[in-house]
C-alpha atoms as a PDB file:
ATOM      1  CA  UNK A   1     126.085 173.543 196.546  1.00  0.00           C
ATOM      2  CA  UNK A   2     126.201 174.277 192.843  1.00  0.00           C
ATOM      3  CA  UNK A   3     123.146 174.085 190.634  1.00  0.00           C
ATOM      4  CA  UNK A   4     124.520 171.173 188.566  1.00  0.00           C
ATOM      5  CA  UNK A   5     125.212 169.101 191.697  1.00  0.00           C
ATOM      6  CA  UNK A   6     121.689 169.753 193.005  1.00  0.00           C
ATOM      7  CA  UNK A   7     120.191 168.736 189.672  1.00  0.00           C
ATOM      8  CA  UNK A   8     122.363 165.602 189.637  1.00  0.00           C
ATOM      9  CA  UNK A   9     121.287 164.668 193.165  1.00  0.00           C
ATOM     10  CA  UNK A  10     117.647 165.314 192.316  1.00  0.00           C
ATOM     11  CA  UNK A  11     117.908 163.139 189.197  1.00  0.00           C
ATOM     12  CA  UNK A  12     119.617 160.329 191.145  1.00  0.00           C
ATOM     13  CA  UNK A  13     116.979 160.490 193.889  1.00  0.00           C
ATOM     14  CA  UNK A  14     114.153 160.418 191.340  1.00  0.00           C
ATOM     15  CA  UNK A  15     115.713 157.493 189.453  1.00  0.00           C
ATOM     16  CA  UNK A  16     116.182 155.563 192.710  1.00  0.00           C
ATOM     17  CA  UNK A  17     112.592 156.228 193.774  1.00  0.00           C
ATOM     18  CA  UNK A  18     111.139 155.188 190.413  1.00  0.00           C
ATOM     19  CA  UNK A  19     113.205 152.003 190.302  1.00  0.00           C
ATOM     20  CA  UNK A  20     110.898 150.487 192.917  1.00  0.00           C
ATOM     21  CA  UNK A  21     107.893 151.071 190.648  1.00  0.00           C
ATOM     22  CA  UNK A  22     109.301 149.323 187.588  1.00  0.00           C
ATOM     23  CA  UNK A  23     107.309 146.189 186.790  1.00  0.00           C
ATOM     24  CA  UNK A  24     109.236 142.947 187.021  1.00  0.00           C
ATOM     25  CA  UNK A  25     109.288 140.431 184.210  1.00  0.00           C
ATOM     26  CA  UNK A  26     106.966 137.490 184.676  1.00  0.00           C
ATOM     27  CA  UNK A  27     109.113 134.919 182.893  1.00  0.00           C
ATOM     28  CA  UNK A  28     107.481 131.812 184.385  1.00  0.00           C
ATOM     29  CA  UNK A  29     103.894 132.947 183.724  1.00  0.00           C
ATOM     30  CA  UNK A  30     101.836 130.254 181.997  1.00  0.00           C
ATOM     31  CA  UNK A  31      99.377 131.358 179.329  1.00  0.00           C
ATOM     32  CA  UNK A  32      95.694 130.467 179.523  1.00  0.00           C
ATOM     33  CA  UNK A  33      92.380 131.396 177.941  1.00  0.00           C
ATOM     34  CA  UNK A  34      91.715 135.176 177.691  1.00  0.00           C
ATOM     35  CA  UNK A  35      95.396 136.179 177.752  1.00  0.00           C
ATOM     36  CA  UNK A  36      96.423 138.540 174.970  1.00  0.00           C
ATOM     37  CA  UNK A  37      99.846 138.132 173.336  1.00  0.00           C
ATOM     38  CA  UNK A  38     101.862 140.064 170.783  1.00  0.00           C
ATOM     39  CA  UNK A  39     103.756 137.941 168.273  1.00  0.00           C
ATOM     40  CA  UNK A  40     106.256 139.585 165.960  1.00  0.00           C
ATOM     41  CA  UNK A  41     107.867 137.784 163.047  1.00  0.00           C
ATOM     42  CA  UNK A  42     110.872 139.805 161.903  1.00  0.00           C
ATOM     43  CA  UNK A  43     110.459 141.006 158.324  1.00  0.00           C
ATOM     44  CA  UNK A  44     106.940 139.556 158.020  1.00  0.00           C
ATOM     45  CA  UNK A  45     104.434 142.215 159.064  1.00  0.00           C
ATOM     46  CA  UNK A  46     101.515 140.174 157.718  1.00  0.00           C
ATOM     47  CA  UNK A  47     102.332 137.374 160.179  1.00  0.00           C
ATOM     48  CA  UNK A  48     102.759 139.669 163.186  1.00  0.00           C
ATOM     49  CA  UNK A  49     100.040 141.000 165.445  1.00  0.00           C
ATOM     50  CA  UNK A  50      98.089 140.798 168.673  1.00  0.00           C
ATOM     51  CA  UNK A  51      96.290 137.549 169.395  1.00  0.00           C
ATOM     52  CA  UNK A  52      94.020 136.309 172.179  1.00  0.00           C
ATOM     53  CA  UNK A  53      94.254 132.797 173.596  1.00  0.00           C
ATOM     54  CA  UNK A  54      90.876 131.227 172.846  1.00  0.00           C
ATOM     55  CA  UNK A  55      88.770 128.945 175.069  1.00  0.00           C
ATOM     56  CA  UNK A  56      90.591 125.879 173.724  1.00  0.00           C
ATOM     57  CA  UNK A  57      93.939 127.382 174.746  1.00  0.00           C
ATOM     58  CA  UNK A  58      95.129 128.156 171.223  1.00  0.00           C
ATOM     59  CA  UNK A  59      96.039 131.242 169.226  1.00  0.00           C
ATOM     60  CA  UNK A  60      95.015 131.453 165.571  1.00  0.00           C
ATOM     61  CA  UNK A  61      97.904 132.778 163.510  1.00  0.00           C
ATOM     62  CA  UNK A  62      98.046 133.699 159.828  1.00  0.00           C
ATOM     63  CA  UNK A  63      99.519 131.073 157.509  1.00  0.00           C
ATOM     64  CA  UNK A  64     100.132 128.378 160.144  1.00  0.00           C
ATOM     65  CA  UNK A  65      96.707 128.240 161.798  1.00  0.00           C
ATOM     66  CA  UNK A  66      96.158 127.411 165.457  1.00  0.00           C
ATOM     67  CA  UNK A  67      99.089 126.964 167.813  1.00  0.00           C
ATOM     68  CA  UNK A  68      98.712 125.580 171.328  1.00  0.00           C
ATOM     69  CA  UNK A  69      99.427 128.374 173.842  1.00  0.00           C
ATOM     70  CA  UNK A  70      97.743 127.382 177.114  1.00  0.00           C
ATOM     71  CA  UNK A  71     100.253 126.101 179.631  1.00  0.00           C
ATOM     72  CA  UNK A  72     103.225 127.618 177.810  1.00  0.00           C
ATOM     73  CA  UNK A  73     105.416 130.516 178.892  1.00  0.00           C
ATOM     74  CA  UNK A  74     106.013 133.395 176.490  1.00  0.00           C
ATOM     75  CA  UNK A  75     109.400 131.910 175.548  1.00  0.00           C
ATOM     76  CA  UNK A  76     107.852 128.490 174.895  1.00  0.00           C
ATOM     77  CA  UNK A  77     105.140 130.041 172.713  1.00  0.00           C
ATOM     78  CA  UNK A  78     107.852 131.882 170.815  1.00  0.00           C
ATOM     79  CA  UNK A  79     109.631 128.557 170.211  1.00  0.00           C
ATOM     80  CA  UNK A  80     106.384 126.839 169.134  1.00  0.00           C
ATOM     81  CA  UNK A  81     105.603 129.580 166.588  1.00  0.00           C
ATOM     82  CA  UNK A  82     109.206 129.530 165.328  1.00  0.00           C
ATOM     83  CA  UNK A  83     109.007 125.735 164.896  1.00  0.00           C
ATOM     84  CA  UNK A  84     105.654 125.938 163.061  1.00  0.00           C
ATOM     85  CA  UNK A  85     106.899 128.659 160.688  1.00  0.00           C
ATOM     86  CA  UNK A  86     110.134 126.815 159.921  1.00  0.00           C
ATOM     87  CA  UNK A  87     108.210 123.700 158.786  1.00  0.00           C
ATOM     88  CA  UNK A  88     107.874 124.715 155.148  1.00  0.00           C
ATOM     89  CA  UNK A  89     106.863 128.370 155.480  1.00  0.00           C
ATOM     90  CA  UNK A  90     109.952 130.465 156.329  1.00  0.00           C
ATOM     91  CA  UNK A  91     113.679 129.832 156.428  1.00  0.00           C
ATOM     92  CA  UNK A  92     115.067 130.597 159.891  1.00  0.00           C
ATOM     93  CA  UNK A  93     112.149 132.698 161.194  1.00  0.00           C
ATOM     94  CA  UNK A  94     112.925 135.135 164.008  1.00  0.00           C
ATOM     95  CA  UNK A  95     109.954 135.373 166.332  1.00  0.00           C
ATOM     96  CA  UNK A  96     109.270 137.239 169.553  1.00  0.00           C
ATOM     97  CA  UNK A  97     106.253 136.728 171.799  1.00  0.00           C
ATOM     98  CA  UNK A  98     105.178 138.769 174.793  1.00  0.00           C
ATOM     99  CA  UNK A  99     102.136 138.870 177.027  1.00  0.00           C
ATOM    100  CA  UNK A 100     100.185 142.102 176.588  1.00  0.00           C
ATOM    101  CA  UNK A 101      97.310 141.528 178.981  1.00  0.00           C
ATOM    102  CA  UNK A 102      96.837 138.829 181.585  1.00  0.00           C
ATOM    103  CA  UNK A 103      93.651 137.081 182.660  1.00  0.00           C
ATOM    104  CA  UNK A 104      91.556 139.429 184.785  1.00  0.00           C
ATOM    105  CA  UNK A 105      91.121 139.102 188.528  1.00  0.00           C
ATOM    106  CA  UNK A 106      87.805 139.261 190.340  1.00  0.00           C
ATOM    107  CA  UNK A 107      87.173 141.066 193.619  1.00  0.00           C
ATOM    108  CA  UNK A 108      84.044 140.228 195.604  1.00  0.00           C
ATOM    109  CA  UNK A 109      82.635 140.968 199.014  1.00  0.00           C
ATOM    110  CA  UNK A 110      83.193 143.968 201.232  1.00  0.00           C
ATOM    111  CA  UNK A 111      84.810 146.370 198.762  1.00  0.00           C
ATOM    112  CA  UNK A 112      83.218 149.510 197.390  1.00  0.00           C
ATOM    113  CA  UNK A 113      83.310 148.424 193.724  1.00  0.00           C
ATOM    114  CA  UNK A 114      83.324 144.606 193.385  1.00  0.00           C
ATOM    115  CA  UNK A 115      83.939 143.294 189.896  1.00  0.00           C
ATOM    116  CA  UNK A 116      86.460 142.290 187.259  1.00  0.00           C
ATOM    117  CA  UNK A 117      89.796 144.120 187.115  1.00  0.00           C
ATOM    118  CA  UNK A 118      92.902 143.775 184.945  1.00  0.00           C
ATOM    119  CA  UNK A 119      95.853 141.898 186.398  1.00  0.00           C
ATOM    120  CA  UNK A 120      99.220 143.643 186.577  1.00  0.00           C
ATOM    121  CA  UNK A 121     102.539 142.007 187.472  1.00  0.00           C
ATOM    122  CA  UNK A 122     103.437 142.167 191.187  1.00  0.00           C
ATOM    123  CA  UNK A 123      99.838 142.902 192.168  1.00  0.00           C
ATOM    124  CA  UNK A 124      99.058 142.511 195.866  1.00  0.00           C
ATOM    125  CA  UNK A 125      95.685 142.076 197.542  1.00  0.00           C
ATOM    126  CA  UNK A 126      95.931 145.588 199.007  1.00  0.00           C
ATOM    127  CA  UNK A 127      96.571 147.031 195.528  1.00  0.00           C
ATOM    128  CA  UNK A 128      93.589 145.088 194.187  1.00  0.00           C
ATOM    129  CA  UNK A 129      91.364 146.392 197.001  1.00  0.00           C
ATOM    130  CA  UNK A 130      92.547 149.923 196.259  1.00  0.00           C
ATOM    131  CA  UNK A 131      91.610 149.389 192.611  1.00  0.00           C
ATOM    132  CA  UNK A 132      88.136 148.383 193.818  1.00  0.00           C
ATOM    133  CA  UNK A 133      87.980 151.725 195.689  1.00  0.00           C
ATOM    134  CA  UNK A 134      88.792 150.334 199.125  1.00  0.00           C
ATOM    135  CA  UNK A 135      87.081 148.406 201.881  1.00  0.00           C
ATOM    136  CA  UNK A 136      83.516 148.994 202.998  1.00  0.00           C
ATOM    137  CA  UNK A 137      82.974 149.879 206.657  1.00  0.00           C
ATOM    138  CA  UNK A 138      82.028 146.218 207.372  1.00  0.00           C
ATOM    139  CA  UNK A 139      85.138 144.675 205.792  1.00  0.00           C
ATOM    140  CA  UNK A 140      87.406 142.295 207.650  1.00  0.00           C
ATOM    141  CA  UNK A 141      90.731 143.872 206.694  1.00  0.00           C
ATOM    142  CA  UNK A 142      92.743 141.076 208.315  1.00  0.00           C
ATOM    143  CA  UNK A 143      91.813 138.141 206.099  1.00  0.00           C
ATOM    144  CA  UNK A 144      91.091 137.501 202.422  1.00  0.00           C
ATOM    145  CA  UNK A 145      89.631 134.422 200.788  1.00  0.00           C
ATOM    146  CA  UNK A 146      91.503 133.504 197.592  1.00  0.00           C
ATOM    147  CA  UNK A 147      90.365 131.097 194.919  1.00  0.00           C
ATOM    148  CA  UNK A 148      93.189 130.466 192.469  1.00  0.00           C
ATOM    149  CA  UNK A 149      92.443 130.076 188.765  1.00  0.00           C
ATOM    150  CA  UNK A 150      91.408 126.496 188.051  1.00  0.00           C
ATOM    151  CA  UNK A 151      90.615 125.702 191.698  1.00  0.00           C
ATOM    152  CA  UNK A 152      87.138 125.085 193.072  1.00  0.00           C
ATOM    153  CA  UNK A 153      87.902 126.025 196.681  1.00  0.00           C
ATOM    154  CA  UNK A 154      88.649 129.260 198.493  1.00  0.00           C
ATOM    155  CA  UNK A 155      91.549 129.414 200.904  1.00  0.00           C
ATOM    156  CA  UNK A 156      91.663 131.979 203.722  1.00  0.00           C
ATOM    157  CA  UNK A 157      94.907 133.934 203.866  1.00  0.00           C
ATOM    158  CA  UNK A 158      96.106 136.743 206.103  1.00  0.00           C
ATOM    159  CA  UNK A 159      95.659 140.071 204.376  1.00  0.00           C
ATOM    160  CA  UNK A 160      99.120 141.623 204.480  1.00  0.00           C
ATOM    161  CA  UNK A 161     101.005 144.047 202.269  1.00  0.00           C
ATOM    162  CA  UNK A 162     102.846 141.059 200.756  1.00  0.00           C
ATOM    163  CA  UNK A 163      99.852 138.849 199.879  1.00  0.00           C
ATOM    164  CA  UNK A 164     100.261 138.341 196.118  1.00  0.00           C
ATOM    165  CA  UNK A 165      97.565 137.966 193.495  1.00  0.00           C
ATOM    166  CA  UNK A 166      97.916 135.752 190.430  1.00  0.00           C
ATOM    167  CA  UNK A 167      96.132 136.140 187.086  1.00  0.00           C
ATOM    168  CA  UNK A 168      92.636 134.690 187.157  1.00  0.00           C
ATOM    169  CA  UNK A 169      92.340 134.780 190.966  1.00  0.00           C
ATOM    170  CA  UNK A 170      89.047 135.522 192.678  1.00  0.00           C
ATOM    171  CA  UNK A 171      89.441 137.530 195.896  1.00  0.00           C
ATOM    172  CA  UNK A 172      86.666 137.742 198.440  1.00  0.00           C
ATOM    173  CA  UNK A 173      86.847 140.209 201.284  1.00  0.00           C
ATOM    174  CA  UNK A 174      84.732 138.901 204.149  1.00  0.00           C
ATOM    175  CA  UNK A 175      82.609 140.766 206.645  1.00  0.00           C
ATOM    176  CA  UNK A 176      83.833 141.497 210.164  1.00  0.00           C
ATOM    177  CA  UNK A 177      81.484 140.737 213.004  1.00  0.00           C
ATOM    178  CA  UNK A 178      82.575 143.241 215.657  1.00  0.00           C
END
């Protein structure tokens, strides 16, 4: 086999392998307090920047003031900022908005390093436990208790490779008895 064919096969194999690690877009993600967004207004550097959704669910932007962000997707926030800028400030503003950092997740219980961790798209419970440096020797590795953001109750779920985590979730790994 020639050297160029081997290099081509190696490149194709590497590209195929890395494709599974590419993060997926979270287009239906709803913003909430503590999310960080990047808003760019084309041609207006003074109006662009990184903004954090405050406790009231708003982002404070230059020139237009506070814009409601909580409960909106990135595309809806983009539309809201475009609408606000077009009401007497700019003619046909072109705005983009993207989520930079999501609400953190919390991992409690039988993990080696319980605490607050950043959320990443497509995060699973097993990935979150790995981030917390794994299970303790007493951990029940078959079940996880999940409290979704905004909920007051924990729900037990089987701990599988496909158990997904959402931004703002609190995960509790229980103790096994035998």
